[in-house]
Amino acid sequence: MNILYIMFDQLRFDYLSCAGHKTLHTPHIDRLASQGVRFTNAYTQSPVCGAARMSAYTGRYVSSHGAAWNNYPLRVGEMTLGDHLRDAGMDCWLIGKTHMKADAKGMERLGLSPDSVIGARQADCGFDVWCRDDGLWAEGPDGPYDQKRSPYNEYLKSKGYAGGNPWADHANAGVENGEIASGWFMKNADKAANVDEPDSETPWLTSQAIAFIEQAKSPWCAHVSYIKPHWPYIVPAPYHDMYDVDDIQPVIRSKREVVDPHPIYRAFTQGRVGKSFAQDHVREKVIPAYMGLIKQCDDQMGRLFDYLETTGRMNDTMIVLTSDHGDYLGDHWMGEKDLFHAPSVKVPLIVHDPRSSADATRGTTCEALVEAIDVTATFIEAAGGDVPDHIVEGRSLQPYLTGTPHPNPRNFAISEYDYSSHPVGTALNVPPKEARLFMVATQDWKLVHCEGGFRPMLFDLKNDPNELFDLGGDPDYEDTRAMLYDHLHTWARRPAQRVTISDAEIHAKRKIGARTGVLLGVYDEDEIAPDLRARYRGPSPKRPN
């Protein structure tokens, strides 16, 4: 069996028609859901790209792998999905984005050349690279955001698009009166991107994925990682005007949220992004474009799935479709992601397993609490490997796919956020080591613990599913907070750093440890079995003259 691991960037869990969106129709993603299981309570390990992806690729929590923010290096030697799958006999390839920054200092210290196979994999999050393009080719007074090469920009130049950075000048900009109308300025979100639709980012990456599959030899895992519907919010024709104000879902927010709010929440709402998305005219410009980007993504899924059907690959390929995090889009007086309300921290997760063992669950939904790192464990098991649970902290989703009871279901889900590099950390003057947030969510409650001396946030998901009332300071909910803190403390005590030896190896050592000649605490040889003392009995050898 092969694995197709599709990840969109910043795709909200509820912006699919199979998830209940009333005006955005996504028939191709819906079709995948009808052939598999759609998880309705899937949480990302962090509501920021880099940290979320490093968790997805390692199967470990953010505080375990340490790459807690965009462009924080993933330390050299951290085992990844590619390492685990290759151990099981499966190749693991990247097509698209990782947002991974290599630990160049660590590689230099260990003498790993980025030109070697091992070094290249260390520099690309454990993947072999078919095509890597992280898709943010911004430029400013301090230089470019990303120093790597852009295969997508090279493609656009080969097609005749002019300029040194056609990603910025064409694919993510419109035209107004002959001038660049950049997608960085949200007032331009309703303009058509100045690129032919087949040449835009999402179709280009789909073509790369199909080209890879055409030449691939099984078994393989292909991580097809799209940059969209991530900002800049601009999309080519005909998607730029498919939706209008009447298609926007009602905003999820209350004025009560910003009356004496939690200091950290208030700081996020008062940043540039929060203030922008608090304005209706900004939402009315951006959300139709965001929906157009998703519609284009769905159409490309139709193209990809049709290819798999035609070639017979749908029958031997496990397909997982998800995102790294969501997008507030003005809900809760916020834009972007960053905090732990559902629009940000919940992700779509659809799993299609082609094996007959999954027939009983096709077209179903699963309400179990699951996490992004569970996908990593699922892939290892699907490849025929044993999940090394002393390294991979995720739990395989396979029981949910076969409709059998899960032997170790989650009672709570965890997400983490290190905002020390965010302007909010500066605004609040919080020391970097204290600028950390931890979310623990059950089916009925969500608590956010805030380091730095701040009170927690608390939401009643059963009676307040939109999370509009923060009960973190309410004395009537002291017992609830204590219960959730107990979950958080249980999680914090996990043995996350003992990654070089498994429980099975420890059990084996227990069995043989007493038979290696080390006889501590023995007073008289008659206290132990003859075979254990045999080496230390008999005539004494002669000493040298």
Protein backbone atom coordinates (compact mmCIF):
# COMPACT_ATOMS: atom_id res chain seq x y z
CA MET A 1 0.00 0.00 0.00
CA ASN A 2 1.07 3.57 -0.72
CA ILE A 3 0.33 6.70 1.32
CA LEU A 4 -0.74 10.11 0.00
CA TYR A 5 -0.43 12.66 2.81
CA ILE A 6 -2.20 15.84 1.67
CA MET A 7 -1.85 18.94 3.83
CA PHE A 8 -3.30 22.37 3.13
CA ASP A 9 -1.99 25.43 4.89
CA GLN A 10 -4.41 27.41 7.06
CA LEU A 11 -7.54 25.53 5.97
CA ARG A 12 -10.27 25.82 8.60
CA PHE A 13 -11.93 22.62 9.75
CA ASP A 14 -15.41 24.03 9.07
CA TYR A 15 -14.80 25.48 5.57
CA LEU A 16 -15.88 22.30 3.78
CA SER A 17 -19.41 21.41 2.75
CA CYS A 18 -19.05 17.96 4.36
CA ALA A 19 -18.30 19.82 7.62
CA GLY A 20 -21.42 21.96 7.32
CA HIS A 21 -20.40 25.11 5.46
CA LYS A 22 -23.62 26.37 3.91
CA THR A 23 -22.32 28.24 0.84
CA LEU A 24 -18.90 26.76 0.05
CA HIS A 25 -19.33 23.48 -1.81
CA THR A 26 -16.36 21.11 -1.88
CA PRO A 27 -17.66 18.01 -3.70
CA HIS A 28 -14.28 16.39 -4.32
CA ILE A 29 -13.12 16.55 -0.71
CA ASP A 30 -16.63 15.46 0.26
CA ARG A 31 -16.18 12.47 -2.04
CA LEU A 32 -13.04 11.47 -0.16
CA ALA A 33 -14.98 11.76 3.10
CA SER A 34 -17.67 9.48 1.67
CA GLN A 35 -14.98 6.86 1.05
CA GLY A 36 -13.32 7.12 4.44
CA VAL A 37 -13.65 8.51 7.97
CA ARG A 38 -13.95 12.23 8.76
CA PHE A 39 -12.70 13.12 12.23
CA THR A 40 -14.65 15.99 13.78
CA ASN A 41 -12.46 16.59 16.84
CA ALA A 42 -8.96 16.72 15.41
CA TYR A 43 -6.51 19.15 17.03
CA THR A 44 -3.23 20.50 15.74
CA GLN A 45 -0.24 20.39 18.10
CA SER A 46 0.30 24.13 17.68
CA PRO A 47 -1.63 26.93 15.97
CA VAL A 48 1.41 28.16 14.04
CA CYS A 49 2.83 26.64 10.85
CA GLY A 50 6.37 25.62 11.77
CA ALA A 51 5.67 24.11 15.17
CA ALA A 52 2.55 22.30 13.94
CA ARG A 53 4.37 20.78 11.00
CA MET A 54 7.39 19.68 13.00
CA SER A 55 4.99 17.80 15.30
CA ALA A 56 3.21 16.24 12.32
CA TYR A 57 6.51 15.12 10.80
CA THR A 58 8.04 13.77 14.02
CA GLY A 59 4.89 12.47 15.71
CA ARG A 60 5.97 14.38 18.83
CA TYR A 61 4.68 17.28 20.87
CA VAL A 62 6.20 20.73 20.44
CA SER A 63 7.87 20.66 23.85
CA SER A 64 9.40 17.30 22.87
CA HIS A 65 10.98 18.29 19.54
CA GLY A 66 11.63 21.93 20.50
CA ALA A 67 11.02 23.65 17.14
CA ALA A 68 8.39 25.89 18.69
CA TRP A 69 8.05 28.67 16.08
CA ASN A 70 8.46 29.34 12.39
CA ASN A 71 12.08 29.00 11.32
CA TYR A 72 13.20 27.54 14.63
CA PRO A 73 15.56 24.72 13.57
CA LEU A 74 14.51 21.14 14.13
CA ARG A 75 17.48 19.74 16.02
CA VAL A 76 19.72 17.36 14.15
CA GLY A 77 18.99 13.71 14.87
CA GLU A 78 15.29 14.15 15.63
CA MET A 79 13.58 11.12 14.08
CA THR A 80 10.93 11.88 11.50
CA LEU A 81 8.21 10.18 9.53
CA GLY A 82 10.71 9.48 6.75
CA ASP A 83 13.05 7.67 9.14
CA HIS A 84 10.27 5.50 10.53
CA LEU A 85 8.80 4.65 7.13
CA ARG A 86 12.15 3.79 5.58
CA ASP A 87 12.73 1.40 8.50
CA ALA A 88 9.46 -0.27 7.43
CA GLY A 89 10.57 -0.47 3.79
CA MET A 90 8.66 2.54 2.44
CA ASP A 91 10.13 5.58 0.69
CA CYS A 92 9.00 9.00 1.92
CA TRP A 93 8.91 11.96 -0.46
CA LEU A 94 8.12 15.67 -0.17
CA ILE A 95 6.13 17.60 -2.76
CA GLY A 96 5.54 21.14 -1.53
CA LYS A 97 5.96 22.86 1.81
CA THR A 98 7.47 21.86 5.16
CA HIS A 99 8.39 25.23 6.73
CA MET A 100 11.30 23.32 8.26
CA LYS A 101 14.57 25.08 9.03
CA ALA A 102 17.63 22.87 9.17
CA ASP A 103 19.84 22.73 12.24
CA ALA A 104 22.88 23.92 10.30
CA LYS A 105 25.06 24.30 13.40
CA GLY A 106 24.20 20.80 14.55
CA MET A 107 24.93 19.36 11.13
CA GLU A 108 28.28 21.15 11.01
CA ARG A 109 29.15 19.93 14.50
CA LEU A 110 28.53 16.33 13.43
CA GLY A 111 30.19 16.69 10.04
CA LEU A 112 27.00 16.13 8.04
CA SER A 113 27.24 17.58 4.56
CA PRO A 114 23.93 18.83 3.15
CA ASP A 115 25.06 17.29 -0.17
CA SER A 116 25.06 13.78 1.29
CA VAL A 117 21.93 11.62 1.43
CA ILE A 118 21.84 11.71 5.22
CA GLY A 119 22.58 15.44 5.31
CA ALA A 120 19.93 16.24 2.71
CA ARG A 121 17.32 14.34 4.69
CA GLN A 122 18.35 16.13 7.88
CA ALA A 123 17.94 19.45 6.07
CA ASP A 124 14.50 18.55 4.70
CA CYS A 125 12.73 17.12 7.73
CA GLY A 126 13.53 13.51 6.90
CA PHE A 127 12.01 13.57 3.42
CA ASP A 128 13.56 12.81 0.09
CA VAL A 129 12.67 15.82 -2.02
CA TRP A 130 10.78 15.62 -5.28
CA CYS A 131 9.97 19.31 -5.12
CA ARG A 132 10.22 21.59 -2.09
CA ASP A 133 8.62 25.03 -2.21
CA ASP A 134 7.61 26.66 1.06
CA GLY A 135 5.59 29.23 -0.84
CA LEU A 136 6.37 32.50 0.96
CA TRP A 137 8.63 34.47 -1.33
CA ALA A 138 8.19 37.84 0.33
CA GLU A 139 10.83 40.56 0.05
CA GLY A 140 11.46 43.59 2.24
CA PRO A 141 14.12 46.11 3.33
CA ASP A 142 15.98 43.38 5.21
CA GLY A 143 15.93 41.04 2.24
CA PRO A 144 13.80 38.00 1.39
CA TYR A 145 11.81 36.05 3.97
CA ASP A 146 13.08 32.73 2.58
CA GLN A 147 16.63 32.25 1.32
CA LYS A 148 15.99 28.93 -0.45
CA ARG A 149 15.38 28.52 -4.15
CA SER A 150 11.78 28.62 -5.39
CA PRO A 151 10.93 25.92 -7.94
CA TYR A 152 7.57 27.64 -8.41
CA ASN A 153 9.20 30.95 -9.31
CA GLU A 154 11.46 29.08 -11.70
CA TYR A 155 8.39 27.49 -13.29
CA LEU A 156 6.69 30.88 -13.72
CA LYS A 157 9.81 32.35 -15.32
CA SER A 158 9.98 29.38 -17.70
CA LYS A 159 6.40 30.19 -18.73
CA GLY A 160 7.35 33.75 -19.58
CA TYR A 161 6.17 35.63 -16.47
CA ALA A 162 8.38 38.69 -16.15
CA GLY A 163 10.10 40.09 -13.08
CA GLY A 164 12.56 38.79 -10.54
CA ASN A 165 9.84 37.42 -8.27
CA PRO A 166 6.77 36.40 -10.27
CA TRP A 167 5.32 34.75 -7.13
CA ALA A 168 4.90 38.24 -5.69
CA ASP A 169 4.22 40.14 -8.92
CA HIS A 170 1.86 37.69 -10.62
CA ALA A 171 0.63 34.72 -8.57
CA ASN A 172 -0.07 36.85 -5.49
CA ALA A 173 -0.93 40.19 -7.01
CA GLY A 174 -3.60 41.64 -9.24
CA VAL A 175 -3.38 44.61 -11.58
CA GLU A 176 -4.95 48.03 -11.14
CA ASN A 177 -4.40 50.78 -13.71
CA GLY A 178 -1.33 48.95 -14.96
CA GLU A 179 0.21 48.82 -11.48
CA ILE A 180 0.85 45.87 -9.17
CA ALA A 181 -2.06 45.37 -6.77
CA SER A 182 -0.32 43.19 -4.21
CA GLY A 183 -2.21 40.54 -2.31
CA TRP A 184 -0.35 41.64 0.81
CA PHE A 185 -2.81 44.52 0.93
CA MET A 186 -6.15 42.98 1.77
CA LYS A 187 -8.07 45.67 -0.09
CA ASN A 188 -6.94 43.83 -3.26
CA ALA A 189 -8.39 40.47 -2.21
CA ASP A 190 -11.30 40.79 -4.66
CA LYS A 191 -8.99 41.22 -7.66
CA ALA A 192 -7.96 38.34 -9.88
CA ALA A 193 -4.35 37.27 -9.41
CA ASN A 194 -2.32 38.20 -12.48
CA VAL A 195 -1.59 34.60 -13.47
CA ASP A 196 -3.30 32.07 -15.70
CA GLU A 197 -5.21 29.73 -13.42
CA PRO A 198 -3.37 26.56 -14.56
CA ASP A 199 -0.09 28.32 -13.70
CA SER A 200 -1.13 29.31 -10.17
CA GLU A 201 0.33 27.61 -7.11
CA THR A 202 -2.29 24.97 -6.38
CA PRO A 203 -2.57 23.51 -9.93
CA TRP A 204 1.22 23.64 -10.28
CA LEU A 205 1.72 21.56 -7.15
CA THR A 206 -0.99 19.10 -8.21
CA SER A 207 0.90 18.61 -11.47
CA GLN A 208 4.06 17.95 -9.47
CA ALA A 209 2.21 15.34 -7.40
CA ILE A 210 0.85 13.56 -10.49
CA ALA A 211 4.30 13.58 -12.10
CA PHE A 212 5.76 12.01 -8.98
CA ILE A 213 3.13 9.25 -8.81
CA GLU A 214 3.55 8.44 -12.50
CA GLN A 215 7.17 7.44 -11.98
CA ALA A 216 7.07 6.19 -8.38
CA LYS A 217 7.72 2.59 -7.49
CA SER A 218 5.72 1.20 -4.59
CA PRO A 219 5.65 1.34 -1.69
CA TRP A 220 5.84 5.12 -1.26
CA CYS A 221 4.58 7.90 0.95
CA ALA A 222 4.14 11.25 -0.79
CA HIS A 223 3.59 14.33 1.36
CA VAL A 224 1.75 16.72 -0.97
CA SER A 225 1.79 19.96 0.98
CA TYR A 226 -0.07 22.95 -0.46
CA ILE A 227 0.61 26.58 0.51
CA LYS A 228 -3.00 27.65 -0.02
CA PRO A 229 -5.50 28.81 1.23
CA HIS A 230 -2.83 30.57 3.31
CA TRP A 231 -2.48 34.31 2.81
CA PRO A 232 -1.86 36.42 0.75
CA TYR A 233 -5.61 36.21 0.19
CA ILE A 234 -5.80 36.49 -3.58
CA VAL A 235 -6.80 33.92 -6.21
CA PRO A 236 -6.86 33.85 -10.02
CA ALA A 237 -9.95 34.01 -12.20
CA PRO A 238 -12.50 32.50 -12.24
CA TYR A 239 -12.24 31.89 -8.48
CA HIS A 240 -11.76 35.53 -7.50
CA ASP A 241 -15.45 36.42 -7.86
CA MET A 242 -17.23 33.12 -7.25
CA TYR A 243 -18.32 34.29 -3.81
CA ASP A 244 -19.57 37.55 -2.37
CA VAL A 245 -20.74 39.04 0.90
CA ASP A 246 -23.93 36.97 0.91
CA ASP A 247 -21.85 33.77 1.01
CA ILE A 248 -20.02 34.70 4.23
CA GLN A 249 -21.03 32.71 7.30
CA PRO A 250 -22.12 34.73 10.37
CA VAL A 251 -19.16 35.93 12.40
CA ILE A 252 -18.53 34.07 15.67
CA ARG A 253 -17.84 36.74 18.25
CA SER A 254 -19.44 38.69 21.09
CA LYS A 255 -18.80 42.14 22.51
CA ARG A 256 -18.61 40.47 25.90
CA GLU A 257 -15.35 38.81 24.80
CA VAL A 258 -13.53 42.15 24.77
CA VAL A 259 -14.96 43.52 28.03
CA ASP A 260 -12.23 42.99 30.67
CA PRO A 261 -10.64 40.20 28.61
CA HIS A 262 -7.70 37.99 29.47
CA PRO A 263 -4.51 40.09 28.99
CA ILE A 264 -2.97 37.72 26.44
CA TYR A 265 -6.18 37.43 24.43
CA ARG A 266 -6.58 41.21 24.54
CA ALA A 267 -3.02 41.70 23.26
CA PHE A 268 -3.74 39.48 20.25
CA THR A 269 -6.98 41.30 19.44
CA GLN A 270 -5.19 44.65 19.66
CA GLY A 271 -2.46 43.74 17.17
CA ARG A 272 -2.62 44.86 13.56
CA VAL A 273 -4.18 41.60 12.38
CA GLY A 274 -6.84 41.54 15.07
CA LYS A 275 -7.81 45.16 14.52
CA SER A 276 -8.05 44.62 10.78
CA PHE A 277 -10.29 41.55 10.98
CA ALA A 278 -12.51 43.22 13.57
CA GLN A 279 -13.71 45.45 10.72
CA ASP A 280 -16.55 44.10 8.62
CA HIS A 281 -15.26 45.59 5.37
CA VAL A 282 -12.00 43.64 5.79
CA ARG A 283 -13.85 40.36 6.34
CA GLU A 284 -16.07 41.14 3.35
CA LYS A 285 -13.00 41.51 1.14
CA VAL A 286 -10.97 38.61 2.48
CA ILE A 287 -13.42 35.78 3.13
CA PRO A 288 -14.77 35.50 -0.46
CA ALA A 289 -11.15 35.25 -1.65
CA TYR A 290 -10.37 32.66 1.04
CA MET A 291 -13.39 30.68 -0.12
CA GLY A 292 -12.22 30.99 -3.73
CA LEU A 293 -8.81 29.61 -2.75
CA ILE A 294 -10.50 26.64 -1.07
CA LYS A 295 -12.74 26.08 -4.09
CA GLN A 296 -9.66 25.95 -6.29
CA CYS A 297 -8.06 23.49 -3.86
CA ASP A 298 -11.14 21.30 -4.04
CA ASP A 299 -11.16 21.36 -7.84
CA GLN A 300 -7.54 20.27 -7.83
CA MET A 301 -8.45 17.44 -5.48
CA GLY A 302 -10.97 16.38 -8.12
CA ARG A 303 -8.21 16.38 -10.70
CA LEU A 304 -5.87 14.39 -8.42
CA PHE A 305 -8.50 11.87 -7.32
CA ASP A 306 -9.65 11.35 -10.91
CA TYR A 307 -6.05 10.55 -11.83
CA LEU A 308 -5.82 8.03 -8.99
CA GLU A 309 -9.10 6.42 -10.04
CA THR A 310 -8.07 6.20 -13.70
CA THR A 311 -4.70 4.63 -12.89
CA GLY A 312 -6.07 2.27 -10.24
CA ARG A 313 -4.01 3.89 -7.52
CA MET A 314 -7.07 4.73 -5.45
CA ASN A 315 -7.27 1.01 -4.68
CA ASP A 316 -3.79 0.74 -3.17
CA THR A 317 -3.24 4.18 -1.64
CA MET A 318 -4.16 5.40 1.82
CA ILE A 319 -5.12 9.08 1.55
CA VAL A 320 -5.07 11.52 4.45
CA LEU A 321 -6.31 15.07 3.93
CA THR A 322 -5.73 17.66 6.65
CA SER A 323 -4.26 21.10 7.40
CA ASP A 324 -1.62 22.41 9.78
CA HIS A 325 -4.03 24.83 11.54
CA GLY A 326 -6.99 27.09 10.83
CA ASP A 327 -7.71 30.80 10.39
CA TYR A 328 -9.80 33.08 12.63
CA LEU A 329 -11.05 35.31 9.77
CA GLY A 330 -12.48 37.78 12.29
CA ASP A 331 -14.06 35.25 14.64
CA HIS A 332 -13.39 36.13 18.27
CA TRP A 333 -12.13 39.55 17.11
CA MET A 334 -9.02 37.92 15.67
CA GLY A 335 -7.36 37.14 12.37
CA GLU A 336 -4.65 34.65 11.50
CA LYS A 337 -4.30 31.80 14.02
CA ASP A 338 -2.19 31.90 17.24
CA LEU A 339 -4.71 31.08 19.98
CA PHE A 340 -6.85 28.04 20.78
CA HIS A 341 -10.41 28.79 19.72
CA ALA A 342 -11.80 26.14 17.37
CA PRO A 343 -11.34 28.15 14.13
CA SER A 344 -7.60 28.17 14.82
CA VAL A 345 -6.72 24.94 16.64
CA LYS A 346 -9.10 22.39 15.12
CA VAL A 347 -8.18 20.95 11.72
CA PRO A 348 -9.98 18.95 9.06
CA LEU A 349 -8.90 15.32 9.04
CA ILE A 350 -10.18 12.76 6.53
CA VAL A 351 -8.65 9.29 6.22
CA HIS A 352 -9.36 6.96 3.30
CA ASP A 353 -8.01 3.46 3.83
CA PRO A 354 -8.49 1.33 0.67
CA ARG A 355 -8.22 -2.00 2.48
CA SER A 356 -11.32 -4.13 2.97
CA SER A 357 -10.76 -3.97 6.73
CA ALA A 358 -12.00 -0.36 6.58
CA ASP A 359 -15.17 -1.05 4.60
CA ALA A 360 -17.42 -0.88 7.65
CA THR A 361 -16.55 2.77 8.39
CA ARG A 362 -16.70 4.29 4.92
CA GLY A 363 -18.63 7.54 4.84
CA THR A 364 -18.76 7.87 8.62
CA THR A 365 -17.68 10.57 11.06
CA CYS A 366 -15.71 9.98 14.25
CA GLU A 367 -16.10 12.28 17.25
CA ALA A 368 -13.15 10.87 19.19
CA LEU A 369 -10.49 13.28 20.38
CA VAL A 370 -7.49 12.91 18.06
CA GLU A 371 -4.32 14.87 17.38
CA ALA A 372 -2.19 15.61 14.34
CA ILE A 373 0.60 13.40 15.65
CA ASP A 374 -1.78 10.43 15.51
CA VAL A 375 -1.45 10.52 11.72
CA THR A 376 2.28 9.81 12.04
CA ALA A 377 1.61 6.69 14.11
CA THR A 378 -1.13 5.62 11.68
CA PHE A 379 1.27 5.78 8.72
CA ILE A 380 3.94 3.73 10.48
CA GLU A 381 1.39 1.04 11.26
CA ALA A 382 -0.06 1.14 7.73
CA ALA A 383 3.43 0.62 6.34
CA GLY A 384 3.73 -2.56 8.37
CA GLY A 385 5.97 -1.14 11.06
CA ASP A 386 5.65 -1.17 14.82
CA VAL A 387 5.00 2.26 16.27
CA PRO A 388 7.99 3.10 18.52
CA ASP A 389 5.95 4.64 21.29
CA HIS A 390 9.03 5.74 23.23
CA ILE A 391 9.65 8.16 20.33
CA VAL A 392 6.34 8.71 18.54
CA GLU A 393 3.81 10.22 20.93
CA GLY A 394 0.88 9.87 18.55
CA ARG A 395 -1.60 6.99 18.73
CA SER A 396 -2.60 5.11 15.59
CA LEU A 397 -6.05 5.88 14.21
CA GLN A 398 -6.34 2.38 12.74
CA PRO A 399 -8.95 1.13 15.23
CA TYR A 400 -11.25 4.01 14.26
CA LEU A 401 -10.81 3.08 10.59
CA THR A 402 -11.78 -0.54 11.16
CA GLY A 403 -14.60 0.24 13.58
CA THR A 404 -13.03 -1.55 16.53
CA PRO A 405 -12.61 -0.19 20.07
CA HIS A 406 -9.44 1.84 20.46
CA PRO A 407 -7.13 0.25 23.05
CA ASN A 408 -5.84 3.63 24.19
CA PRO A 409 -8.32 6.41 23.35
CA ARG A 410 -7.52 9.99 24.28
CA ASN A 411 -9.32 11.48 27.27
CA PHE A 412 -7.96 14.89 26.35
CA ALA A 413 -6.10 16.65 23.54
CA ILE A 414 -3.06 18.91 23.89
CA SER A 415 -1.86 21.88 21.87
CA GLU A 416 1.01 24.25 22.66
CA TYR A 417 2.03 27.74 21.63
CA ASP A 418 5.29 29.57 22.21
CA TYR A 419 4.62 33.24 21.47
CA SER A 420 8.03 34.52 22.56
CA SER A 421 8.85 35.60 18.98
CA HIS A 422 5.41 37.11 18.40
CA PRO A 423 4.91 40.88 18.88
CA VAL A 424 2.51 40.02 21.71
CA GLY A 425 5.44 38.71 23.73
CA THR A 426 7.11 42.09 23.36
CA ALA A 427 3.92 44.03 24.03
CA LEU A 428 3.33 42.18 27.29
CA ASN A 429 7.04 42.24 28.22
CA VAL A 430 6.95 38.52 28.94
CA PRO A 431 10.38 36.80 29.19
CA PRO A 432 10.88 34.28 26.37
CA LYS A 433 10.85 31.28 28.69
CA GLU A 434 7.49 32.36 30.10
CA ALA A 435 5.78 33.24 26.81
CA ARG A 436 4.14 29.83 26.53
CA LEU A 437 0.57 28.58 26.38
CA PHE A 438 -0.76 25.06 26.84
CA MET A 439 -4.24 23.96 25.80
CA VAL A 440 -5.93 20.87 27.22
CA ALA A 441 -9.33 19.99 25.75
CA THR A 442 -11.83 17.27 26.57
CA GLN A 443 -15.11 16.66 24.81
CA ASP A 444 -16.80 19.16 27.16
CA TRP A 445 -14.12 21.60 28.33
CA LYS A 446 -11.11 23.53 27.13
CA LEU A 447 -8.50 25.08 29.42
CA VAL A 448 -5.56 27.25 28.36
CA HIS A 449 -2.72 27.45 30.87
CA CYS A 450 -0.63 30.60 30.57
CA GLU A 451 2.89 30.79 31.94
CA GLY A 452 4.13 34.14 33.22
CA GLY A 453 1.71 34.55 36.11
CA PHE A 454 -1.46 34.96 34.04
CA ARG A 455 -4.72 33.28 34.99
CA PRO A 456 -5.95 30.43 32.79
CA MET A 457 -8.70 30.64 30.19
CA LEU A 458 -11.61 28.20 30.39
CA PHE A 459 -14.45 27.39 27.98
CA ASP A 460 -17.53 25.22 28.43
CA LEU A 461 -17.67 23.44 25.06
CA LYS A 462 -20.93 21.70 25.84
CA ASN A 463 -23.00 24.76 26.79
CA ASP A 464 -20.92 27.37 24.96
CA PRO A 465 -19.70 25.60 21.79
CA ASN A 466 -18.68 28.89 20.18
CA GLU A 467 -16.33 29.65 23.10
CA LEU A 468 -17.65 33.14 23.78
CA PHE A 469 -17.50 33.08 27.59
CA ASP A 470 -14.12 32.79 29.29
CA LEU A 471 -14.68 31.18 32.71
CA GLY A 472 -11.00 31.08 33.61
CA GLY A 473 -11.40 33.53 36.50
CA ASP A 474 -14.83 32.42 37.70
CA PRO A 475 -14.63 30.94 41.25
CA ASP A 476 -17.61 28.68 40.51
CA TYR A 477 -15.46 26.61 38.14
CA GLU A 478 -12.51 25.93 40.43
CA ASP A 479 -13.18 22.18 40.44
CA THR A 480 -13.36 22.08 36.64
CA ARG A 481 -10.06 23.90 36.32
CA ALA A 482 -8.50 21.51 38.83
CA MET A 483 -9.71 18.53 36.79
CA LEU A 484 -8.24 19.93 33.59
CA TYR A 485 -4.98 20.84 35.32
CA ASP A 486 -4.76 17.24 36.47
CA HIS A 487 -4.95 16.17 32.81
CA LEU A 488 -2.27 18.71 31.91
CA HIS A 489 0.00 17.51 34.72
CA THR A 490 -0.48 13.89 33.62
CA TRP A 491 0.61 14.85 30.12
CA ALA A 492 3.56 16.91 31.42
CA ARG A 493 4.92 13.86 33.27
CA ARG A 494 5.20 11.79 30.09
CA PRO A 495 8.68 10.29 29.48
CA ALA A 496 9.24 12.33 26.32
CA GLN A 497 13.03 12.36 26.22
CA ARG A 498 13.90 8.66 26.62
CA VAL A 499 14.02 8.09 22.86
CA THR A 500 17.08 5.85 22.46
CA ILE A 501 15.72 2.77 24.20
CA SER A 502 12.24 1.27 24.08
CA ASP A 503 10.14 -0.28 26.82
CA ALA A 504 10.60 -3.65 25.11
CA GLU A 505 14.37 -3.30 25.34
CA ILE A 506 14.10 -2.39 29.01
CA HIS A 507 11.96 -5.48 29.66
CA ALA A 508 14.57 -7.59 27.87
CA LYS A 509 17.34 -6.10 30.01
CA ARG A 510 15.33 -6.94 33.12
CA LYS A 511 15.28 -10.58 32.07
CA ILE A 512 18.98 -10.90 31.31
CA GLY A 513 20.36 -8.34 33.73
CA ALA A 514 20.53 -10.81 36.63
CA ARG A 515 22.50 -13.31 34.53
CA THR A 516 25.47 -11.19 33.47
CA GLY A 517 27.64 -11.84 36.52
CA VAL A 518 26.82 -8.69 38.44
CA LEU A 519 25.77 -10.02 41.87
CA LEU A 520 24.97 -7.02 44.02
CA GLY A 521 23.81 -7.58 47.57
CA VAL A 522 24.74 -11.29 47.74
CA TYR A 523 26.29 -12.25 51.08
CA ASP A 524 26.69 -15.98 50.64
CA GLU A 525 26.92 -17.94 47.39
CA ASP A 526 24.26 -20.34 48.60
CA GLU A 527 21.73 -17.52 48.33
CA ILE A 528 21.68 -17.78 44.51
CA ALA A 529 21.28 -20.49 41.89
CA PRO A 530 24.37 -22.59 41.05
CA ASP A 531 24.56 -21.36 37.43
CA LEU A 532 24.72 -17.74 38.60
CA ARG A 533 27.68 -18.40 40.89
CA ALA A 534 29.54 -20.93 38.74
CA ARG A 535 31.93 -18.40 37.19
CA TYR A 536 33.13 -17.40 40.63
CA ARG A 537 33.79 -20.88 42.07
CA GLY A 538 36.63 -23.37 41.64
CA PRO A 539 40.41 -23.42 42.19
CA SER A 540 42.02 -20.02 42.34
CA PRO A 541 44.38 -19.28 39.39
CA LYS A 542 48.09 -18.79 40.15
CA ARG A 543 49.45 -15.30 40.64
CA PRO A 544 52.48 -14.20 38.60
CA ASN A 545 55.91 -14.80 40.20
